[in-house]
PDB file of N, CA and C in Angstrom:
ATOM      1  N   UNK A   1      30.818  17.462  -7.296  1.00  0.00           N
ATOM      2  CA  UNK A   1      31.060  17.994  -8.753  1.00  0.00           C
ATOM      3  C   UNK A   1      30.952  19.472  -8.577  1.00  0.00           C
ATOM      4  N   UNK A   2      32.123  20.282  -9.043  1.00  0.00           N
ATOM      5  CA  UNK A   2      31.886  21.897  -8.775  1.00  0.00           C
ATOM      6  C   UNK A   2      31.600  22.350 -10.253  1.00  0.00           C
ATOM      7  N   UNK A   3      31.258  23.407 -10.163  1.00  0.00           N
ATOM      8  CA  UNK A   3      30.910  24.371 -11.580  1.00  0.00           C
ATOM      9  C   UNK A   3      32.002  24.274 -12.563  1.00  0.00           C
ATOM     10  N   UNK A   4      31.652  23.984 -13.702  1.00  0.00           N
ATOM     11  CA  UNK A   4      32.594  24.018 -14.926  1.00  0.00           C
ATOM     12  C   UNK A   4      33.221  22.545 -15.106  1.00  0.00           C
ATOM     13  N   UNK A   5      32.920  21.613 -14.216  1.00  0.00           N
ATOM     14  CA  UNK A   5      33.615  20.185 -14.311  1.00  0.00           C
ATOM     15  C   UNK A   5      32.442  19.378 -15.077  1.00  0.00           C
ATOM     16  N   UNK A   6      32.930  18.454 -15.990  1.00  0.00           N
ATOM     17  CA  UNK A   6      31.877  17.548 -16.855  1.00  0.00           C
ATOM     18  C   UNK A   6      31.851  16.511 -15.677  1.00  0.00           C
ATOM     19  N   UNK A   7      30.481  15.986 -16.120  1.00  0.00           N
ATOM     20  CA  UNK A   7      29.801  14.889 -15.202  1.00  0.00           C
ATOM     21  C   UNK A   7      30.510  13.430 -15.803  1.00  0.00           C
ATOM     22  N   UNK A   8      31.327  12.996 -14.967  1.00  0.00           N
ATOM     23  CA  UNK A   8      32.142  11.784 -15.739  1.00  0.00           C
ATOM     24  C   UNK A   8      31.461  10.469 -15.019  1.00  0.00           C
ATOM     25  N   UNK A   9      30.269  10.599 -14.281  1.00  0.00           N
ATOM     26  CA  UNK A   9      29.755   9.545 -13.630  1.00  0.00           C
ATOM     27  C   UNK A   9      28.793   8.611 -14.938  1.00  0.00           C
ATOM     28  N   UNK A  10      28.780   7.331 -14.897  1.00  0.00           N
ATOM     29  CA  UNK A  10      28.161   6.580 -15.955  1.00  0.00           C
ATOM     30  C   UNK A  10      26.652   6.464 -15.258  1.00  0.00           C
ATOM     31  N   UNK A  11      25.648   7.280 -15.743  1.00  0.00           N
ATOM     32  CA  UNK A  11      24.375   7.245 -15.186  1.00  0.00           C
ATOM     33  C   UNK A  11      23.643   5.866 -15.519  1.00  0.00           C
ATOM     34  N   UNK A  12      24.129   5.163 -16.451  1.00  0.00           N
ATOM     35  CA  UNK A  12      23.501   3.905 -16.762  1.00  0.00           C
ATOM     36  C   UNK A  12      23.539   2.927 -15.715  1.00  0.00           C
ATOM     37  N   UNK A  13      24.545   2.899 -14.845  1.00  0.00           N
ATOM     38  CA  UNK A  13      24.711   2.019 -13.685  1.00  0.00           C
ATOM     39  C   UNK A  13      23.982   2.404 -12.406  1.00  0.00           C
ATOM     40  N   UNK A  14      23.324   3.697 -12.293  1.00  0.00           N
ATOM     41  CA  UNK A  14      22.658   4.042 -11.325  1.00  0.00           C
ATOM     42  C   UNK A  14      21.242   3.419 -11.035  1.00  0.00           C
ATOM     43  N   UNK A  15      21.116   2.851 -10.024  1.00  0.00           N
ATOM     44  CA  UNK A  15      19.929   2.056  -9.850  1.00  0.00           C
ATOM     45  C   UNK A  15      18.975   2.877  -9.111  1.00  0.00           C
ATOM     46  N   UNK A  16      17.727   2.765  -9.302  1.00  0.00           N
ATOM     47  CA  UNK A  16      16.488   3.535  -8.701  1.00  0.00           C
ATOM     48  C   UNK A  16      16.702   3.055  -7.188  1.00  0.00           C
ATOM     49  N   UNK A  17      16.606   4.228  -6.237  1.00  0.00           N
ATOM     50  CA  UNK A  17      16.638   3.963  -4.760  1.00  0.00           C
ATOM     51  C   UNK A  17      15.247   3.592  -4.396  1.00  0.00           C
ATOM     52  N   UNK A  18      15.307   2.325  -3.544  1.00  0.00           N
ATOM     53  CA  UNK A  18      13.707   2.167  -3.081  1.00  0.00           C
ATOM     54  C   UNK A  18      13.385   3.302  -2.282  1.00  0.00           C
ATOM     55  N   UNK A  19      11.958   3.268  -2.228  1.00  0.00           N
ATOM     56  CA  UNK A  19      11.500   4.380  -1.337  1.00  0.00           C
ATOM     57  C   UNK A  19      10.742   3.652  -0.145  1.00  0.00           C
ATOM     58  N   UNK A  20      11.496   3.607   1.016  1.00  0.00           N
ATOM     59  CA  UNK A  20      11.509   2.640   2.253  1.00  0.00           C
ATOM     60  C   UNK A  20      11.250   3.617   3.415  1.00  0.00           C
ATOM     61  N   UNK A  21      11.128   4.945   3.309  1.00  0.00           N
ATOM     62  CA  UNK A  21      11.205   5.715   4.560  1.00  0.00           C
ATOM     63  C   UNK A  21      10.220   5.190   5.594  1.00  0.00           C
ATOM     64  N   UNK A  22       8.918   4.955   5.346  1.00  0.00           N
ATOM     65  CA  UNK A  22       7.811   4.408   6.223  1.00  0.00           C
ATOM     66  C   UNK A  22       8.361   3.007   6.790  1.00  0.00           C
ATOM     67  N   UNK A  23       8.633   2.275   5.967  1.00  0.00           N
ATOM     68  CA  UNK A  23       9.060   0.928   6.645  1.00  0.00           C
ATOM     69  C   UNK A  23      10.332   1.118   7.425  1.00  0.00           C
ATOM     70  N   UNK A  24      11.165   1.872   7.071  1.00  0.00           N
ATOM     71  CA  UNK A  24      12.498   1.941   7.751  1.00  0.00           C
ATOM     72  C   UNK A  24      12.097   2.489   9.232  1.00  0.00           C
ATOM     73  N   UNK A  25      11.089   3.695   9.288  1.00  0.00           N
ATOM     74  CA  UNK A  25      10.842   4.036  10.591  1.00  0.00           C
ATOM     75  C   UNK A  25      10.093   3.035  11.426  1.00  0.00           C
ATOM     76  N   UNK A  26       9.143   2.124  10.869  1.00  0.00           N
ATOM     77  CA  UNK A  26       8.717   1.108  11.653  1.00  0.00           C
ATOM     78  C   UNK A  26       9.690   0.107  11.930  1.00  0.00           C
ATOM     79  N   UNK A  27      10.501  -0.130  11.190  1.00  0.00           N
ATOM     80  CA  UNK A  27      11.320  -1.333  11.394  1.00  0.00           C
ATOM     81  C   UNK A  27      12.416  -1.030  12.463  1.00  0.00           C
ATOM     82  N   UNK A  28      12.723   0.052  12.486  1.00  0.00           N
ATOM     83  CA  UNK A  28      13.793   0.544  13.599  1.00  0.00           C
ATOM     84  C   UNK A  28      12.988   0.999  14.974  1.00  0.00           C
ATOM     85  N   UNK A  29      11.850   1.263  14.792  1.00  0.00           N
ATOM     86  CA  UNK A  29      10.753   1.671  15.959  1.00  0.00           C
ATOM     87  C   UNK A  29      11.011   2.999  16.378  1.00  0.00           C
ATOM     88  N   UNK A  30      11.288   3.790  15.374  1.00  0.00           N
ATOM     89  CA  UNK A  30      11.108   5.298  15.887  1.00  0.00           C
ATOM     90  C   UNK A  30       9.829   5.783  15.685  1.00  0.00           C
ATOM     91  N   UNK A  31       9.322   6.333  16.969  1.00  0.00           N
ATOM     92  CA  UNK A  31       7.787   6.711  16.939  1.00  0.00           C
ATOM     93  C   UNK A  31       7.652   7.910  16.223  1.00  0.00           C
ATOM     94  N   UNK A  32       6.186   8.118  15.682  1.00  0.00           N
ATOM     95  CA  UNK A  32       5.948   9.184  14.765  1.00  0.00           C
ATOM     96  C   UNK A  32       5.130   9.928  15.727  1.00  0.00           C
ATOM     97  N   UNK A  33       5.411  11.233  15.885  1.00  0.00           N
ATOM     98  CA  UNK A  33       4.573  12.178  16.644  1.00  0.00           C
ATOM     99  C   UNK A  33       3.734  13.043  15.886  1.00  0.00           C
ATOM    100  N   UNK A  34       4.126  13.521  14.671  1.00  0.00           N
ATOM    101  CA  UNK A  34       3.385  14.162  13.868  1.00  0.00           C
ATOM    102  C   UNK A  34       3.455  13.919  12.410  1.00  0.00           C
ATOM    103  N   UNK A  35       2.282  13.955  11.640  1.00  0.00           N
ATOM    104  CA  UNK A  35       2.333  13.602  10.293  1.00  0.00           C
ATOM    105  C   UNK A  35       1.843  14.932   9.446  1.00  0.00           C
ATOM    106  N   UNK A  36       2.574  15.070   8.489  1.00  0.00           N
ATOM    107  CA  UNK A  36       2.207  16.027   7.519  1.00  0.00           C
ATOM    108  C   UNK A  36       2.366  15.621   6.166  1.00  0.00           C
ATOM    109  N   UNK A  37       1.714  16.035   5.119  1.00  0.00           N
ATOM    110  CA  UNK A  37       1.834  15.696   3.817  1.00  0.00           C
ATOM    111  C   UNK A  37       0.969  16.576   2.892  1.00  0.00           C
ATOM    112  N   UNK A  38       1.565  16.779   1.535  1.00  0.00           N
ATOM    113  CA  UNK A  38       0.792  17.235   0.538  1.00  0.00           C
ATOM    114  C   UNK A  38       0.505  16.205  -0.565  1.00  0.00           C
ATOM    115  N   UNK A  39      -0.579  16.545  -1.201  1.00  0.00           N
ATOM    116  CA  UNK A  39      -0.916  15.602  -2.390  1.00  0.00           C
ATOM    117  C   UNK A  39      -1.019  14.214  -1.909  1.00  0.00           C
ATOM    118  N   UNK A  40      -0.260  13.359  -2.431  1.00  0.00           N
ATOM    119  CA  UNK A  40      -0.151  11.788  -2.181  1.00  0.00           C
ATOM    120  C   UNK A  40       0.364  11.310  -0.907  1.00  0.00           C
ATOM    121  N   UNK A  41       1.328  12.427  -0.194  1.00  0.00           N
ATOM    122  CA  UNK A  41       1.729  12.367   0.917  1.00  0.00           C
ATOM    123  C   UNK A  41       0.637  12.537   1.923  1.00  0.00           C
ATOM    124  N   UNK A  42      -0.273  13.517   1.734  1.00  0.00           N
ATOM    125  CA  UNK A  42      -1.392  13.568   2.694  1.00  0.00           C
ATOM    126  C   UNK A  42      -2.251  12.259   2.826  1.00  0.00           C
ATOM    127  N   UNK A  43      -2.414  11.617   1.669  1.00  0.00           N
ATOM    128  CA  UNK A  43      -3.296  10.400   1.818  1.00  0.00           C
ATOM    129  C   UNK A  43      -2.469   9.473   2.462  1.00  0.00           C
ATOM    130  N   UNK A  44      -1.355   9.276   2.085  1.00  0.00           N
ATOM    131  CA  UNK A  44      -0.434   8.104   3.025  1.00  0.00           C
ATOM    132  C   UNK A  44      -0.339   8.638   4.557  1.00  0.00           C
ATOM    133  N   UNK A  45      -0.154   9.580   4.632  1.00  0.00           N
ATOM    134  CA  UNK A  45       0.099  10.246   6.119  1.00  0.00           C
ATOM    135  C   UNK A  45      -1.275   9.992   6.756  1.00  0.00           C
ATOM    136  N   UNK A  46      -2.436  10.300   6.157  1.00  0.00           N
ATOM    137  CA  UNK A  46      -3.676  10.045   6.697  1.00  0.00           C
ATOM    138  C   UNK A  46      -3.974   8.637   7.067  1.00  0.00           C
ATOM    139  N   UNK A  47      -3.585   7.731   6.167  1.00  0.00           N
ATOM    140  CA  UNK A  47      -3.972   6.307   6.293  1.00  0.00           C
ATOM    141  C   UNK A  47      -3.010   6.084   7.439  1.00  0.00           C
ATOM    142  N   UNK A  48      -1.727   6.259   7.664  1.00  0.00           N
ATOM    143  CA  UNK A  48      -1.056   6.006   8.747  1.00  0.00           C
ATOM    144  C   UNK A  48      -1.475   6.400  10.007  1.00  0.00           C
ATOM    145  N   UNK A  49      -2.051   7.759   9.948  1.00  0.00           N
ATOM    146  CA  UNK A  49      -2.612   8.277  11.398  1.00  0.00           C
ATOM    147  C   UNK A  49      -3.785   7.370  11.634  1.00  0.00           C
ATOM    148  N   UNK A  50      -4.296   7.012  10.647  1.00  0.00           N
ATOM    149  CA  UNK A  50      -5.884   5.978  10.954  1.00  0.00           C
ATOM    150  C   UNK A  50      -5.259   4.740  11.463  1.00  0.00           C
ATOM    151  N   UNK A  51      -4.016   4.347  11.490  1.00  0.00           N
ATOM    152  CA  UNK A  51      -3.674   3.061  11.943  1.00  0.00           C
ATOM    153  C   UNK A  51      -3.164   2.009  11.028  1.00  0.00           C
ATOM    154  N   UNK A  52      -3.252   2.209   9.790  1.00  0.00           N
ATOM    155  CA  UNK A  52      -2.805   1.437   8.658  1.00  0.00           C
ATOM    156  C   UNK A  52      -1.264   1.394   8.867  1.00  0.00           C
ATOM    157  N   UNK A  53      -0.779   0.040   8.599  1.00  0.00           N
ATOM    158  CA  UNK A  53       0.669  -0.184   8.724  1.00  0.00           C
ATOM    159  C   UNK A  53       1.093   0.065   7.212  1.00  0.00           C
ATOM    160  N   UNK A  54       2.535   0.323   7.190  1.00  0.00           N
ATOM    161  CA  UNK A  54       3.221   0.717   5.869  1.00  0.00           C
ATOM    162  C   UNK A  54       2.885  -0.404   4.709  1.00  0.00           C
ATOM    163  N   UNK A  55       2.844  -1.592   5.106  1.00  0.00           N
ATOM    164  CA  UNK A  55       2.506  -2.517   4.097  1.00  0.00           C
ATOM    165  C   UNK A  55       1.038  -2.627   3.721  1.00  0.00           C
ATOM    166  N   UNK A  56      -0.010  -2.310   4.457  1.00  0.00           N
ATOM    167  CA  UNK A  56      -1.372  -2.057   4.393  1.00  0.00           C
ATOM    168  C   UNK A  56      -1.411  -1.030   3.230  1.00  0.00           C
ATOM    169  N   UNK A  57      -0.666   0.028   3.725  1.00  0.00           N
ATOM    170  CA  UNK A  57      -1.002   1.387   2.857  1.00  0.00           C
ATOM    171  C   UNK A  57      -0.448   1.129   1.373  1.00  0.00           C
ATOM    172  N   UNK A  58       0.738   0.340   1.423  1.00  0.00           N
ATOM    173  CA  UNK A  58       1.504   0.016  -0.025  1.00  0.00           C
ATOM    174  C   UNK A  58       0.328  -0.970  -0.909  1.00  0.00           C
ATOM    175  N   UNK A  59      -0.339  -1.868  -0.141  1.00  0.00           N
ATOM    176  CA  UNK A  59      -1.219  -2.822  -0.622  1.00  0.00           C
ATOM    177  C   UNK A  59      -2.509  -1.964  -1.427  1.00  0.00           C
ATOM    178  N   UNK A  60      -2.937  -0.797  -0.289  1.00  0.00           N
ATOM    179  CA  UNK A  60      -4.081  -0.296  -0.796  1.00  0.00           C
ATOM    180  C   UNK A  60      -3.843   0.583  -2.116  1.00  0.00           C
ATOM    181  N   UNK A  61      -2.713   1.307  -1.816  1.00  0.00           N
ATOM    182  CA  UNK A  61      -2.335   2.246  -3.248  1.00  0.00           C
ATOM    183  C   UNK A  61      -2.157   1.258  -4.494  1.00  0.00           C
ATOM    184  N   UNK A  62      -1.574   0.215  -4.342  1.00  0.00           N
ATOM    185  CA  UNK A  62      -1.336  -0.704  -5.513  1.00  0.00           C
ATOM    186  C   UNK A  62      -2.745  -1.201  -6.292  1.00  0.00           C
ATOM    187  N   UNK A  63      -3.590  -1.124  -5.300  1.00  0.00           N
ATOM    188  CA  UNK A  63      -4.929  -1.976  -5.591  1.00  0.00           C
ATOM    189  C   UNK A  63      -5.893  -0.993  -5.981  1.00  0.00           C
ATOM    190  N   UNK A  64      -5.739   0.353  -5.989  1.00  0.00           N
ATOM    191  CA  UNK A  64      -6.691   1.178  -6.372  1.00  0.00           C
ATOM    192  C   UNK A  64      -6.682   1.534  -7.726  1.00  0.00           C
ATOM    193  N   UNK A  65      -7.952   1.691  -8.471  1.00  0.00           N
ATOM    194  CA  UNK A  65      -8.054   2.133  -9.860  1.00  0.00           C
ATOM    195  C   UNK A  65      -7.813   3.656  -9.900  1.00  0.00           C
ATOM    196  N   UNK A  66      -6.587   3.968 -10.020  1.00  0.00           N
ATOM    197  CA  UNK A  66      -6.394   5.686  -9.875  1.00  0.00           C
ATOM    198  C   UNK A  66      -7.009   6.248 -10.950  1.00  0.00           C
ATOM    199  N   UNK A  67      -7.225   5.718 -12.305  1.00  0.00           N
ATOM    200  CA  UNK A  67      -7.697   6.445 -13.345  1.00  0.00           C
ATOM    201  C   UNK A  67      -9.236   6.809 -13.034  1.00  0.00           C
ATOM    202  N   UNK A  68      -9.980   5.957 -12.527  1.00  0.00           N
ATOM    203  CA  UNK A  68     -11.367   6.138 -12.050  1.00  0.00           C
ATOM    204  C   UNK A  68     -11.392   6.982 -10.736  1.00  0.00           C
ATOM    205  N   UNK A  69     -10.539   6.888  -9.842  1.00  0.00           N
ATOM    206  CA  UNK A  69     -10.700   7.585  -8.641  1.00  0.00           C
ATOM    207  C   UNK A  69     -10.593   9.121  -9.112  1.00  0.00           C
ATOM    208  N   UNK A  70      -9.577   9.413  -9.872  1.00  0.00           N
ATOM    209  CA  UNK A  70      -9.522  10.952 -10.107  1.00  0.00           C
ATOM    210  C   UNK A  70     -10.072  11.462 -11.473  1.00  0.00           C
ATOM    211  N   UNK A  71     -10.929  10.618 -12.009  1.00  0.00           N
ATOM    212  CA  UNK A  71     -11.629  11.146 -13.155  1.00  0.00           C
ATOM    213  C   UNK A  71     -12.896  11.925 -12.732  1.00  0.00           C
ATOM    214  N   UNK A  72     -13.213  12.896 -13.613  1.00  0.00           N
ATOM    215  CA  UNK A  72     -14.435  13.468 -13.344  1.00  0.00           C
ATOM    216  C   UNK A  72     -15.753  12.905 -13.744  1.00  0.00           C
ATOM    217  N   UNK A  73     -15.643  11.713 -14.442  1.00  0.00           N
ATOM    218  CA  UNK A  73     -16.577  11.082 -14.838  1.00  0.00           C
ATOM    219  C   UNK A  73     -17.442  10.344 -13.799  1.00  0.00           C
ATOM    220  N   UNK A  74     -18.983  10.653 -13.595  1.00  0.00           N
ATOM    221  CA  UNK A  74     -19.636   9.857 -12.783  1.00  0.00           C
ATOM    222  C   UNK A  74     -20.421   9.174 -13.622  1.00  0.00           C
ATOM    223  N   UNK A  75     -20.745   7.724 -13.020  1.00  0.00           N
ATOM    224  CA  UNK A  75     -21.814   6.849 -13.780  1.00  0.00           C
ATOM    225  C   UNK A  75     -23.155   7.052 -13.719  1.00  0.00           C
ATOM    226  N   UNK A  76     -23.804   7.125 -14.796  1.00  0.00           N
ATOM    227  CA  UNK A  76     -25.254   7.738 -14.877  1.00  0.00           C
ATOM    228  C   UNK A  76     -26.072   7.314 -13.659  1.00  0.00           C
ATOM    229  N   UNK A  77     -26.037   6.314 -13.116  1.00  0.00           N
ATOM    230  CA  UNK A  77     -26.906   5.768 -12.232  1.00  0.00           C
ATOM    231  C   UNK A  77     -26.505   6.648 -10.726  1.00  0.00           C
ATOM    232  N   UNK A  78     -25.489   7.187 -10.743  1.00  0.00           N
ATOM    233  CA  UNK A  78     -25.218   8.036  -9.510  1.00  0.00           C
ATOM    234  C   UNK A  78     -25.642   9.494  -9.741  1.00  0.00           C
ATOM    235  N   UNK A  79     -25.989   9.965 -10.888  1.00  0.00           N
ATOM    236  CA  UNK A  79     -26.294  11.400 -11.124  1.00  0.00           C
ATOM    237  C   UNK A  79     -27.920  11.526 -10.715  1.00  0.00           C
ATOM    238  N   UNK A  80     -28.385  12.680 -10.205  1.00  0.00           N
ATOM    239  CA  UNK A  80     -29.403  12.891  -9.652  1.00  0.00           C
ATOM    240  C   UNK A  80     -30.306  13.187 -10.947  1.00  0.00           C
ATOM    241  N   UNK A  81     -31.886  13.031 -10.748  1.00  0.00           N
ATOM    242  CA  UNK A  81     -32.716  13.287 -11.937  1.00  0.00           C
ATOM    243  C   UNK A  81     -32.590  14.635 -12.204  1.00  0.00           C
ATOM    244  N   UNK A  82     -32.582  15.509 -11.385  1.00  0.00           N
ATOM    245  CA  UNK A  82     -32.625  17.006 -11.778  1.00  0.00           C
ATOM    246  C   UNK A  82     -31.221  17.358 -12.662  1.00  0.00           C
ATOM    247  N   UNK A  83     -30.192  16.762 -12.424  1.00  0.00           N
ATOM    248  CA  UNK A  83     -28.834  16.872 -13.174  1.00  0.00           C
ATOM    249  C   UNK A  83     -29.067  16.277 -14.621  1.00  0.00           C
ATOM    250  N   UNK A  84     -29.684  15.023 -14.536  1.00  0.00           N
ATOM    251  CA  UNK A  84     -30.103  14.588 -15.852  1.00  0.00           C
ATOM    252  C   UNK A  84     -30.794  15.122 -16.784  1.00  0.00           C
ATOM    253  N   UNK A  85     -31.879  15.826 -16.036  1.00  0.00           N
ATOM    254  CA  UNK A  85     -32.890  16.736 -17.059  1.00  0.00           C
ATOM    255  C   UNK A  85     -32.045  18.020 -17.436  1.00  0.00           C
ATOM    256  N   UNK A  86     -31.153  18.528 -16.645  1.00  0.00           N
ATOM    257  CA  UNK A  86     -30.586  19.621 -16.910  1.00  0.00           C
ATOM    258  C   UNK A  86     -29.530  19.326 -18.212  1.00  0.00           C
ATOM    259  N   UNK A  87     -28.942  18.124 -18.140  1.00  0.00           N
ATOM    260  CA  UNK A  87     -28.082  17.847 -19.292  1.00  0.00           C
ATOM    261  C   UNK A  87     -28.923  17.745 -20.519  1.00  0.00           C
ATOM    262  N   UNK A  88     -30.049  16.995 -20.332  1.00  0.00           N
ATOM    263  CA  UNK A  88     -30.920  16.890 -21.634  1.00  0.00           C
ATOM    264  C   UNK A  88     -31.253  18.294 -22.140  1.00  0.00           C
ATOM    265  N   UNK A  89     -31.671  19.218 -21.097  1.00  0.00           N
ATOM    266  CA  UNK A  89     -32.109  20.538 -21.735  1.00  0.00           C
ATOM    267  C   UNK A  89     -30.987  21.271 -22.492  1.00  0.00           C
ATOM    268  N   UNK A  90     -29.584  20.729 -21.924  1.00  0.00           N
ATOM    269  CA  UNK A  90     -28.777  21.616 -22.688  1.00  0.00           C
ATOM    270  C   UNK A  90     -28.381  21.006 -23.981  1.00  0.00           C
ATOM    271  N   UNK A  91     -28.807  19.837 -24.361  1.00  0.00           N
ATOM    272  CA  UNK A  91     -28.500  19.151 -25.395  1.00  0.00           C
ATOM    273  C   UNK A  91     -29.463  19.287 -26.442  1.00  0.00           C
ATOM    274  N   UNK A  92     -30.760  19.365 -25.896  1.00  0.00           N
ATOM    275  CA  UNK A  92     -32.139  19.210 -26.738  1.00  0.00           C
ATOM    276  C   UNK A  92     -32.642  20.519 -27.006  1.00  0.00           C
ATOM    277  N   UNK A  93     -33.160  20.990 -28.178  1.00  0.00           N
ATOM    278  CA  UNK A  93     -33.858  22.082 -28.323  1.00  0.00           C
ATOM    279  C   UNK A  93     -35.201  21.846 -27.384  1.00  0.00           C
ATOM    280  N   UNK A  94     -35.674  23.095 -26.890  1.00  0.00           N
ATOM    281  CA  UNK A  94     -36.729  23.176 -26.079  1.00  0.00           C
ATOM    282  C   UNK A  94     -38.097  22.531 -26.623  1.00  0.00           C
ATOM    283  N   UNK A  95     -38.228  22.718 -27.908  1.00  0.00           N
ATOM    284  CA  UNK A  95     -39.445  22.363 -28.507  1.00  0.00           C
ATOM    285  C   UNK A  95     -39.400  20.773 -28.598  1.00  0.00           C
ATOM    286  N   UNK A  96     -38.361  20.014 -28.451  1.00  0.00           N
ATOM    287  CA  UNK A  96     -38.534  18.632 -28.540  1.00  0.00           C
ATOM    288  C   UNK A  96     -38.393  18.165 -27.154  1.00  0.00           C
ATOM    289  N   UNK A  97     -38.199  18.717 -26.155  1.00  0.00           N
ATOM    290  CA  UNK A  97     -38.289  18.257 -24.806  1.00  0.00           C
ATOM    291  C   UNK A  97     -39.281  18.932 -23.775  1.00  0.00           C
ATOM    292  N   UNK A  98     -40.183  18.481 -23.361  1.00  0.00           N
ATOM    293  CA  UNK A  98     -41.384  19.286 -22.641  1.00  0.00           C
ATOM    294  C   UNK A  98     -40.962  19.629 -21.236  1.00  0.00           C
ATOM    295  N   UNK A  99     -39.710  18.905 -20.532  1.00  0.00           N
ATOM    296  CA  UNK A  99     -39.319  19.562 -19.395  1.00  0.00           C
ATOM    297  C   UNK A  99     -38.505  20.651 -19.298  1.00  0.00           C
ATOM    298  N   UNK A 100     -38.038  21.118 -20.665  1.00  0.00           N
ATOM    299  CA  UNK A 100     -37.048  22.155 -20.947  1.00  0.00           C
ATOM    300  C   UNK A 100     -38.196  23.416 -21.211  1.00  0.00           C
ATOM    301  N   UNK A 101     -38.100  24.393 -20.305  1.00  0.00           N
ATOM    302  CA  UNK A 101     -38.797  25.625 -20.713  1.00  0.00           C
ATOM    303  C   UNK A 101     -37.890  26.625 -21.687  1.00  0.00           C
ATOM    304  N   UNK A 102     -37.011  27.243 -21.176  1.00  0.00           N
ATOM    305  CA  UNK A 102     -36.017  28.026 -22.087  1.00  0.00           C
ATOM    306  C   UNK A 102     -34.602  27.277 -21.739  1.00  0.00           C
ATOM    307  N   UNK A 103     -33.626  27.349 -22.627  1.00  0.00           N
ATOM    308  CA  UNK A 103     -32.424  26.932 -22.357  1.00  0.00           C
ATOM    309  C   UNK A 103     -31.713  27.778 -21.403  1.00  0.00           C
ATOM    310  N   UNK A 104     -32.171  28.956 -21.127  1.00  0.00           N
ATOM    311  CA  UNK A 104     -31.338  29.721 -19.964  1.00  0.00           C
ATOM    312  C   UNK A 104     -31.829  29.460 -18.692  1.00  0.00           C
ATOM    313  N   UNK A 105     -33.110  28.745 -18.622  1.00  0.00           N
ATOM    314  CA  UNK A 105     -33.701  28.469 -17.251  1.00  0.00           C
ATOM    315  C   UNK A 105     -33.581  27.149 -16.903  1.00  0.00           C
ATOM    316  N   UNK A 106     -33.060  26.307 -17.482  1.00  0.00           N
ATOM    317  CA  UNK A 106     -32.940  24.927 -17.379  1.00  0.00           C
ATOM    318  C   UNK A 106     -31.823  24.629 -16.584  1.00  0.00           C
TER     319      UNK A 106
END
């Protein structure tokens, strides 16, 4: 389509193309010498470099709890005692909590 022409394609008939690059490379036996990627591509590339097959990578990706993985929330049982005290000091006036000296020193 050149500049100024109307798009006459019916986009409702366009199917989403499958993402099969890694499967294809394995299927046709093309050796991979170098792996590079950014963001999710670096995770997939790293797993492939470690020896995971494309089907194993897909299985891992589909079974990961991504919301939990990329959140900043940490379960309380994994927080150190010092960090728990610091949080209490920030939320509690110093007169009510003996481990807090002054809010600016906790």
